[in-house]
C-alpha cells in the first residue's frame, strides 16, 4: 500500500488492463504516424480529417462536423481558425436559415486534400499491414464505442 491507499498492484493492474489508457496511447501513436506522413503537405492528421469532412456535395453544418469528429463546437472552431486563415476552408451562412453556419472547402482546400491524399493512403495501408487483427473489425468496434 502507498500513502494514498492504492497498492502498487492496483497501479500495475490499471496500467496493464485500462482500455482508456491503451486507447489513448494508441491514438497518440497513430496521430504521430499520420502527422509525419502529412507534414510535407502542411497538414496535421486532425486538419486532414477536418478538411476531408468538409469535402461534401453540400457544405455540412458546424453541428454535423462536430458530431462526426466527436468534438465540441469550441474545439472545432479552434481547429478551423488556422485552416480559414490559410484559405483552405470557409464559413458560410445557410441559404435557407441564416442562423445555421456551414463549413466549406475552398479551391485551395480541395487542392491541399488532393495533394495529401496519396500520403494518407500510403500511411493507412502501412498501418493496416502492421495490425495483427482485422482492421474492419477494429473499426467496427471503435465505431460502436463512439456511437451515441
Protein backbone atom coordinates (compact mmCIF):
# COMPACT_ATOMS: atom_id res chain seq x y z
CA UNK A 1 0.00 0.00 0.00
CA UNK A 2 1.21 3.53 -0.74
CA UNK A 3 0.49 6.65 1.28
CA UNK A 4 -2.52 7.23 -1.00
CA UNK A 5 -4.03 3.91 0.00
CA UNK A 6 -3.70 2.50 -3.53
CA UNK A 7 -1.46 -0.53 -3.81
CA UNK A 8 1.25 -0.81 -6.42
CA UNK A 9 -0.52 -3.97 -7.58
CA UNK A 10 -3.63 -1.92 -8.31
CA UNK A 11 -1.48 0.57 -10.20
CA UNK A 12 0.03 -2.23 -12.31
CA UNK A 13 -3.41 -3.74 -12.94
CA UNK A 14 -4.78 -0.41 -14.18
CA UNK A 15 -1.65 0.19 -16.30
CA UNK A 16 -1.93 -3.24 -17.89
CA UNK A 17 -5.71 -3.50 -18.36
CA UNK A 18 -7.17 0.00 -18.68
CA UNK A 19 -8.81 0.21 -22.11
CA UNK A 20 -8.91 4.00 -21.90
CA UNK A 21 -5.16 4.23 -21.27
CA UNK A 22 -4.39 1.80 -24.09
CA UNK A 23 -6.72 3.63 -26.50
CA UNK A 24 -5.19 7.00 -25.62
CA UNK A 25 -1.66 5.67 -26.11
CA UNK A 26 -2.63 4.08 -29.43
CA UNK A 27 -4.38 7.29 -30.55
CA UNK A 28 -1.26 9.35 -29.83
CA UNK A 29 0.89 6.85 -31.72
CA UNK A 30 -1.48 6.89 -34.70
CA UNK A 31 -1.62 10.69 -34.65
CA UNK A 32 2.18 10.90 -34.78
CA UNK A 33 2.33 8.45 -37.71
CA UNK A 34 -0.22 10.38 -39.73
CA UNK A 35 1.21 13.77 -38.73
CA UNK A 36 4.58 12.65 -40.08
CA UNK A 37 3.03 11.44 -43.35
CA UNK A 38 1.05 14.67 -43.82
CA UNK A 39 3.75 17.12 -42.67
CA UNK A 40 5.14 17.65 -46.22
CA UNK A 41 1.68 18.93 -47.21
CA UNK A 42 1.46 21.38 -44.31
CA UNK A 43 -1.31 19.45 -42.58
CA UNK A 44 -1.74 17.58 -39.33
CA UNK A 45 -3.85 14.44 -39.14
CA UNK A 46 -6.58 16.44 -37.41
CA UNK A 47 -6.59 19.09 -40.13
CA UNK A 48 -6.67 16.43 -42.83
CA UNK A 49 -9.66 14.73 -41.16
CA UNK A 50 -11.45 18.03 -40.75
CA UNK A 51 -10.87 19.05 -44.37
CA UNK A 52 -11.97 15.62 -45.54
CA UNK A 53 -15.18 16.02 -43.53
CA UNK A 54 -15.84 19.28 -45.39
CA UNK A 55 -15.41 17.58 -48.75
CA UNK A 56 -19.12 17.09 -49.35
CA UNK A 57 -21.58 17.90 -52.10
CA UNK A 58 -23.44 20.19 -49.66
CA UNK A 59 -21.29 22.07 -47.13
CA UNK A 60 -22.05 20.49 -43.73
CA UNK A 61 -23.21 22.44 -40.70
CA UNK A 62 -20.92 23.15 -37.78
CA UNK A 63 -23.00 20.80 -35.62
CA UNK A 64 -22.76 17.96 -38.14
CA UNK A 65 -18.98 18.29 -38.44
CA UNK A 66 -18.54 18.48 -34.67
CA UNK A 67 -20.63 15.34 -34.18
CA UNK A 68 -18.82 13.43 -36.92
CA UNK A 69 -15.42 14.30 -35.46
CA UNK A 70 -16.53 13.71 -31.87
CA UNK A 71 -15.58 17.28 -30.95
CA UNK A 72 -17.44 20.07 -29.23
CA UNK A 73 -18.15 23.28 -31.15
CA UNK A 74 -15.46 25.25 -29.29
CA UNK A 75 -12.78 22.72 -30.19
CA UNK A 76 -13.99 22.62 -33.79
CA UNK A 77 -13.93 26.41 -34.04
CA UNK A 78 -10.35 26.49 -32.74
CA UNK A 79 -9.30 23.79 -35.22
CA UNK A 80 -10.94 25.67 -38.10
CA UNK A 81 -9.23 29.01 -37.50
CA UNK A 82 -5.82 28.11 -38.97
CA UNK A 83 -7.48 26.43 -41.96
CA UNK A 84 -9.58 29.53 -42.61
CA UNK A 85 -6.52 31.80 -42.24
CA UNK A 86 -4.68 29.65 -44.79
CA UNK A 87 -7.62 29.89 -47.17
CA UNK A 88 -8.37 26.15 -47.10
CA UNK A 89 -11.86 26.41 -45.58
CA UNK A 90 -14.57 28.99 -45.09
CA UNK A 91 -17.70 29.52 -43.02
CA UNK A 92 -20.91 30.33 -44.89
CA UNK A 93 -24.41 31.19 -43.83
CA UNK A 94 -27.04 28.66 -44.79
CA UNK A 95 -29.10 29.85 -47.76
CA UNK A 96 -32.42 28.87 -46.13
CA UNK A 97 -31.68 29.54 -42.46
CA UNK A 98 -29.22 32.37 -41.79
CA UNK A 99 -28.76 31.16 -38.21
CA UNK A 100 -27.03 27.99 -39.46
CA UNK A 101 -23.35 28.08 -40.32
CA UNK A 102 -21.99 25.76 -42.99
CA UNK A 103 -18.35 24.84 -43.44
CA UNK A 104 -16.94 24.61 -46.93
CA UNK A 105 -13.70 23.74 -48.59
CA UNK A 106 -12.16 26.36 -50.81
CA UNK A 107 -10.42 25.52 -54.08
CA UNK A 108 -7.13 25.70 -52.17
CA UNK A 109 -8.56 23.27 -49.60
CA UNK A 110 -9.55 20.83 -52.33
CA UNK A 111 -6.07 21.09 -53.82
CA UNK A 112 -4.44 20.50 -50.41
CA UNK A 113 -6.59 17.42 -49.86
CA UNK A 114 -5.81 16.10 -53.34
CA UNK A 115 -2.08 16.54 -52.78
CA UNK A 116 -2.11 14.94 -49.31
CA UNK A 117 -4.46 12.03 -50.04
CA UNK A 118 -1.82 9.71 -51.58
CA UNK A 119 0.39 10.16 -48.49
CA UNK A 120 -2.57 9.37 -46.23
CA UNK A 121 -3.43 6.31 -48.32
CA UNK A 122 0.15 5.02 -48.11
CA UNK A 123 0.33 5.61 -44.35
CA UNK A 124 -3.05 3.97 -43.87
CA UNK A 125 -2.14 0.92 -45.97
CA UNK A 126 1.09 0.51 -43.97
CA UNK A 127 -0.85 0.74 -40.72
CA UNK A 128 -3.36 -1.90 -41.81
CA UNK A 129 -0.46 -4.21 -42.76
CA UNK A 130 1.08 -3.64 -39.31
CA UNK A 131 -2.10 -4.56 -37.43
CA UNK A 132 -2.21 -8.08 -36.07
CA UNK A 133 -6.01 -8.27 -36.20
CA UNK A 134 -8.73 -7.46 -38.69
CA UNK A 135 -8.82 -3.69 -39.46
CA UNK A 136 -12.53 -3.82 -40.38
CA UNK A 137 -13.38 -5.41 -37.04
CA UNK A 138 -11.29 -2.85 -35.17
CA UNK A 139 -13.08 0.00 -37.00
CA UNK A 140 -16.46 -1.54 -36.18
CA UNK A 141 -15.61 -1.94 -32.50
CA UNK A 142 -14.25 1.60 -32.23
CA UNK A 143 -17.34 2.94 -34.01
CA UNK A 144 -19.57 1.05 -31.61
CA UNK A 145 -17.78 2.63 -28.66
CA UNK A 146 -18.25 6.13 -30.06
CA UNK A 147 -21.86 5.71 -31.19
CA UNK A 148 -24.33 7.99 -29.41
